[in-house]
Amino acid sequence: MLANRDAELGTIQSSPNFVLCTEMVEWNLQERGVIKANNVRHVKAGDKPDALSNPENYKRQVEIEYYIDIYAKQNGQWVPYVADDVQF
């Protein structure tokens, strides 16, 4: 599978199979595509989040705001994860 060569460049490293396998191995070994969440906080909508936020319970039908810091692992370092379409 890794022996397939790119038709244009003629190298194994540029072949689609090599790239796919490399990315899959990095993902399986948690070197790529790994995220973590830190500093999770939630408050009633309209309140300001602070160190004392995160009430233990809310009443029904009360809107809350949820804040979370997400980091992605890149080259062995945790860097802020930048995206505008993260789903909770």
N, C-alpha and C. Protein backbone atom coordinates (compact mmCIF):
# COMPACT_ATOMS: atom_id res chain seq x y z
N MET A 1 0.82 -1.19 0.00
CA MET A 1 0.00 0.00 0.00
C MET A 1 0.86 1.25 0.00
N LEU A 2 1.92 1.28 0.78
CA LEU A 2 2.77 2.45 0.81
C LEU A 2 3.71 2.53 -0.40
N ALA A 3 3.78 1.45 -1.18
CA ALA A 3 4.72 1.43 -2.29
C ALA A 3 4.21 2.19 -3.51
N ASN A 4 2.94 2.58 -3.52
CA ASN A 4 2.43 3.34 -4.65
C ASN A 4 3.15 4.68 -4.74
N ARG A 5 3.51 5.05 -5.95
CA ARG A 5 4.23 6.30 -6.15
C ARG A 5 3.33 7.32 -6.82
N ASP A 6 3.57 8.56 -6.53
CA ASP A 6 2.84 9.64 -7.18
C ASP A 6 3.24 9.66 -8.65
N ALA A 7 2.27 9.67 -9.53
CA ALA A 7 2.57 9.61 -10.97
C ALA A 7 3.34 10.82 -11.46
N GLU A 8 3.08 11.99 -10.89
CA GLU A 8 3.73 13.22 -11.35
C GLU A 8 5.12 13.38 -10.77
N LEU A 9 5.24 13.22 -9.45
CA LEU A 9 6.52 13.47 -8.80
C LEU A 9 7.38 12.22 -8.70
N GLY A 10 6.76 11.05 -8.73
CA GLY A 10 7.50 9.80 -8.69
C GLY A 10 8.07 9.43 -7.33
N THR A 11 7.63 10.07 -6.26
CA THR A 11 8.15 9.75 -4.92
C THR A 11 7.05 9.10 -4.08
N ILE A 12 7.49 8.28 -3.16
CA ILE A 12 6.53 7.62 -2.27
C ILE A 12 5.91 8.65 -1.32
N GLN A 13 6.70 9.60 -0.81
CA GLN A 13 6.22 10.56 0.17
C GLN A 13 5.11 11.45 -0.38
N SER A 14 5.04 11.64 -1.68
CA SER A 14 4.00 12.50 -2.24
C SER A 14 2.79 11.71 -2.72
N SER A 15 2.82 10.37 -2.59
CA SER A 15 1.68 9.58 -3.05
C SER A 15 0.50 9.74 -2.09
N PRO A 16 -0.72 9.71 -2.61
CA PRO A 16 -1.90 9.84 -1.74
C PRO A 16 -1.97 8.75 -0.67
N ASN A 17 -1.56 7.52 -0.99
CA ASN A 17 -1.59 6.45 0.00
C ASN A 17 -0.64 6.72 1.15
N PHE A 18 0.55 7.21 0.85
CA PHE A 18 1.53 7.51 1.90
C PHE A 18 1.00 8.61 2.81
N VAL A 19 0.44 9.65 2.22
CA VAL A 19 -0.10 10.76 3.01
C VAL A 19 -1.24 10.27 3.90
N LEU A 20 -2.16 9.48 3.34
CA LEU A 20 -3.28 8.95 4.11
C LEU A 20 -2.79 8.08 5.27
N CYS A 21 -1.89 7.18 4.99
CA CYS A 21 -1.37 6.28 6.04
C CYS A 21 -0.63 7.05 7.13
N THR A 22 0.15 8.05 6.72
CA THR A 22 0.87 8.86 7.70
C THR A 22 -0.11 9.60 8.61
N GLU A 23 -1.15 10.19 8.03
CA GLU A 23 -2.13 10.92 8.83
C GLU A 23 -2.91 9.97 9.74
N MET A 24 -3.22 8.78 9.27
CA MET A 24 -3.94 7.81 10.11
C MET A 24 -3.09 7.34 11.28
N VAL A 25 -1.81 7.09 11.04
CA VAL A 25 -0.92 6.67 12.12
C VAL A 25 -0.77 7.79 13.15
N GLU A 26 -0.60 9.03 12.69
CA GLU A 26 -0.48 10.16 13.61
C GLU A 26 -1.75 10.31 14.44
N TRP A 27 -2.91 10.12 13.82
CA TRP A 27 -4.17 10.24 14.55
C TRP A 27 -4.30 9.13 15.57
N ASN A 28 -3.98 7.89 15.18
CA ASN A 28 -4.07 6.76 16.11
C ASN A 28 -3.13 6.89 17.29
N LEU A 29 -1.98 7.48 17.09
CA LEU A 29 -1.01 7.67 18.17
C LEU A 29 -1.22 8.99 18.90
N GLN A 30 -2.33 9.65 18.62
CA GLN A 30 -2.71 10.92 19.22
C GLN A 30 -1.64 11.99 19.04
N GLU A 31 -1.09 12.04 17.85
CA GLU A 31 -0.16 13.11 17.48
C GLU A 31 -0.83 14.13 16.57
N ARG A 32 -2.06 13.83 16.13
CA ARG A 32 -2.77 14.70 15.21
C ARG A 32 -4.27 14.57 15.49
N GLY A 33 -5.00 15.68 15.37
CA GLY A 33 -6.44 15.63 15.52
C GLY A 33 -6.91 15.43 16.95
N VAL A 34 -6.10 15.79 17.93
CA VAL A 34 -6.46 15.62 19.34
C VAL A 34 -6.79 17.00 19.91
N ILE A 35 -7.91 17.10 20.59
CA ILE A 35 -8.27 18.36 21.23
C ILE A 35 -8.55 18.11 22.71
N LYS A 36 -8.46 19.15 23.50
CA LYS A 36 -8.81 19.05 24.92
C LYS A 36 -9.53 20.33 25.33
N ALA A 37 -10.34 20.21 26.35
CA ALA A 37 -11.11 21.35 26.85
C ALA A 37 -10.61 21.73 28.23
N ASN A 38 -10.43 23.01 28.42
CA ASN A 38 -10.01 23.56 29.71
C ASN A 38 -10.90 24.72 30.08
N ASN A 39 -10.87 25.10 31.33
CA ASN A 39 -11.53 26.30 31.81
C ASN A 39 -13.01 26.33 31.42
N VAL A 40 -13.73 25.30 31.77
CA VAL A 40 -15.16 25.22 31.46
C VAL A 40 -15.93 26.05 32.48
N ARG A 41 -16.81 26.91 31.99
CA ARG A 41 -17.60 27.73 32.90
C ARG A 41 -18.96 28.00 32.27
N HIS A 42 -19.95 28.20 33.12
CA HIS A 42 -21.30 28.48 32.66
C HIS A 42 -21.99 29.40 33.65
N VAL A 43 -22.83 30.26 33.11
CA VAL A 43 -23.58 31.22 33.93
C VAL A 43 -24.95 31.42 33.31
N LYS A 44 -25.83 32.02 34.08
CA LYS A 44 -27.13 32.38 33.54
C LYS A 44 -26.93 33.45 32.47
N ALA A 45 -27.69 33.38 31.40
CA ALA A 45 -27.54 34.32 30.28
C ALA A 45 -27.63 35.75 30.79
N GLY A 46 -26.67 36.57 30.39
CA GLY A 46 -26.64 37.96 30.80
C GLY A 46 -25.69 38.23 31.95
N ASP A 47 -25.38 37.22 32.77
CA ASP A 47 -24.42 37.38 33.86
C ASP A 47 -23.01 37.32 33.31
N LYS A 48 -22.07 37.92 34.02
CA LYS A 48 -20.67 37.88 33.60
C LYS A 48 -19.99 36.65 34.19
N PRO A 49 -19.24 35.92 33.36
CA PRO A 49 -18.51 34.76 33.90
C PRO A 49 -17.32 35.23 34.74
N ASP A 50 -17.11 34.58 35.84
CA ASP A 50 -15.96 34.89 36.68
C ASP A 50 -15.50 33.60 37.36
N ALA A 51 -14.58 33.73 38.28
CA ALA A 51 -14.03 32.55 38.95
C ALA A 51 -15.08 31.85 39.82
N LEU A 52 -16.12 32.58 40.22
CA LEU A 52 -17.13 32.00 41.10
C LEU A 52 -18.37 31.53 40.33
N SER A 53 -18.29 31.49 39.00
CA SER A 53 -19.44 31.04 38.23
C SER A 53 -19.57 29.52 38.33
N ASN A 54 -20.33 28.91 37.49
CA ASN A 54 -20.63 27.48 37.49
C ASN A 54 -21.56 27.09 38.63
N PRO A 55 -22.76 27.64 38.66
CA PRO A 55 -23.71 27.21 39.69
C PRO A 55 -23.99 25.72 39.56
N GLU A 56 -24.36 25.10 40.66
CA GLU A 56 -24.60 23.66 40.63
C GLU A 56 -25.90 23.30 39.93
N ASN A 57 -26.88 24.19 39.96
CA ASN A 57 -28.14 23.88 39.28
C ASN A 57 -28.81 25.16 38.80
N TYR A 58 -29.71 24.97 37.86
CA TYR A 58 -30.50 26.06 37.30
C TYR A 58 -31.96 25.66 37.35
N LYS A 59 -32.84 26.64 37.27
CA LYS A 59 -34.26 26.33 37.14
C LYS A 59 -34.56 25.95 35.70
N ARG A 60 -35.69 25.30 35.51
CA ARG A 60 -36.07 24.91 34.16
C ARG A 60 -36.29 26.13 33.27
N GLN A 61 -35.99 25.95 32.01
CA GLN A 61 -36.20 26.95 30.96
C GLN A 61 -35.42 28.24 31.19
N VAL A 62 -34.35 28.17 31.95
CA VAL A 62 -33.47 29.32 32.12
C VAL A 62 -32.35 29.21 31.10
N GLU A 63 -32.13 30.25 30.35
CA GLU A 63 -31.07 30.23 29.34
C GLU A 63 -29.72 30.41 30.02
N ILE A 64 -28.75 29.62 29.59
CA ILE A 64 -27.41 29.72 30.15
C ILE A 64 -26.41 29.96 29.04
N GLU A 65 -25.29 30.52 29.40
CA GLU A 65 -24.17 30.72 28.48
C GLU A 65 -23.05 29.81 28.95
N TYR A 66 -22.43 29.14 27.99
CA TYR A 66 -21.41 28.14 28.29
C TYR A 66 -20.11 28.58 27.63
N TYR A 67 -19.05 28.67 28.40
CA TYR A 67 -17.74 29.10 27.88
C TYR A 67 -16.75 27.95 28.07
N ILE A 68 -15.91 27.77 27.08
CA ILE A 68 -14.94 26.68 27.15
C ILE A 68 -13.71 27.07 26.32
N ASP A 69 -12.54 26.74 26.81
CA ASP A 69 -11.30 26.95 26.06
C ASP A 69 -10.89 25.61 25.46
N ILE A 70 -10.72 25.59 24.15
CA ILE A 70 -10.39 24.35 23.44
C ILE A 70 -8.99 24.48 22.86
N TYR A 71 -8.19 23.44 23.05
CA TYR A 71 -6.82 23.41 22.55
C TYR A 71 -6.63 22.20 21.66
N ALA A 72 -5.81 22.35 20.63
CA ALA A 72 -5.48 21.26 19.71
C ALA A 72 -3.99 20.96 19.84
N LYS A 73 -3.65 19.70 19.71
CA LYS A 73 -2.25 19.30 19.78
C LYS A 73 -1.63 19.38 18.38
N GLN A 74 -0.61 20.21 18.27
CA GLN A 74 0.10 20.38 17.01
C GLN A 74 1.59 20.32 17.27
N ASN A 75 2.26 19.37 16.63
CA ASN A 75 3.69 19.19 16.79
C ASN A 75 4.10 19.02 18.26
N GLY A 76 3.26 18.32 19.00
CA GLY A 76 3.57 18.04 20.41
C GLY A 76 3.24 19.17 21.36
N GLN A 77 2.72 20.29 20.86
CA GLN A 77 2.39 21.44 21.70
C GLN A 77 0.88 21.68 21.68
N TRP A 78 0.34 22.15 22.79
CA TRP A 78 -1.08 22.50 22.84
C TRP A 78 -1.23 23.94 22.44
N VAL A 79 -1.98 24.18 21.37
CA VAL A 79 -2.22 25.54 20.87
C VAL A 79 -3.73 25.77 20.85
N PRO A 80 -4.18 27.03 20.96
CA PRO A 80 -5.61 27.30 20.92
C PRO A 80 -6.23 26.78 19.62
N TYR A 81 -7.37 26.13 19.76
CA TYR A 81 -8.09 25.60 18.61
C TYR A 81 -8.94 26.72 18.03
N VAL A 82 -8.73 27.04 16.78
CA VAL A 82 -9.44 28.15 16.14
C VAL A 82 -10.46 27.58 15.17
N ALA A 83 -11.74 27.83 15.45
CA ALA A 83 -12.82 27.41 14.57
C ALA A 83 -14.06 28.22 14.94
N ASP A 84 -14.93 28.39 13.97
CA ASP A 84 -16.16 29.10 14.25
C ASP A 84 -17.39 28.20 14.15
N ASP A 85 -17.17 26.89 14.09
CA ASP A 85 -18.28 25.96 13.94
C ASP A 85 -18.20 24.78 14.89
N VAL A 86 -17.76 25.00 16.10
CA VAL A 86 -17.64 23.92 17.08
C VAL A 86 -19.05 23.63 17.62
N GLN A 87 -19.42 22.36 17.63
CA GLN A 87 -20.73 21.97 18.16
C GLN A 87 -20.57 21.38 19.54
N PHE A 88 -21.51 21.65 20.39
CA PHE A 88 -21.47 21.17 21.77
C PHE A 88 -22.35 19.98 21.91
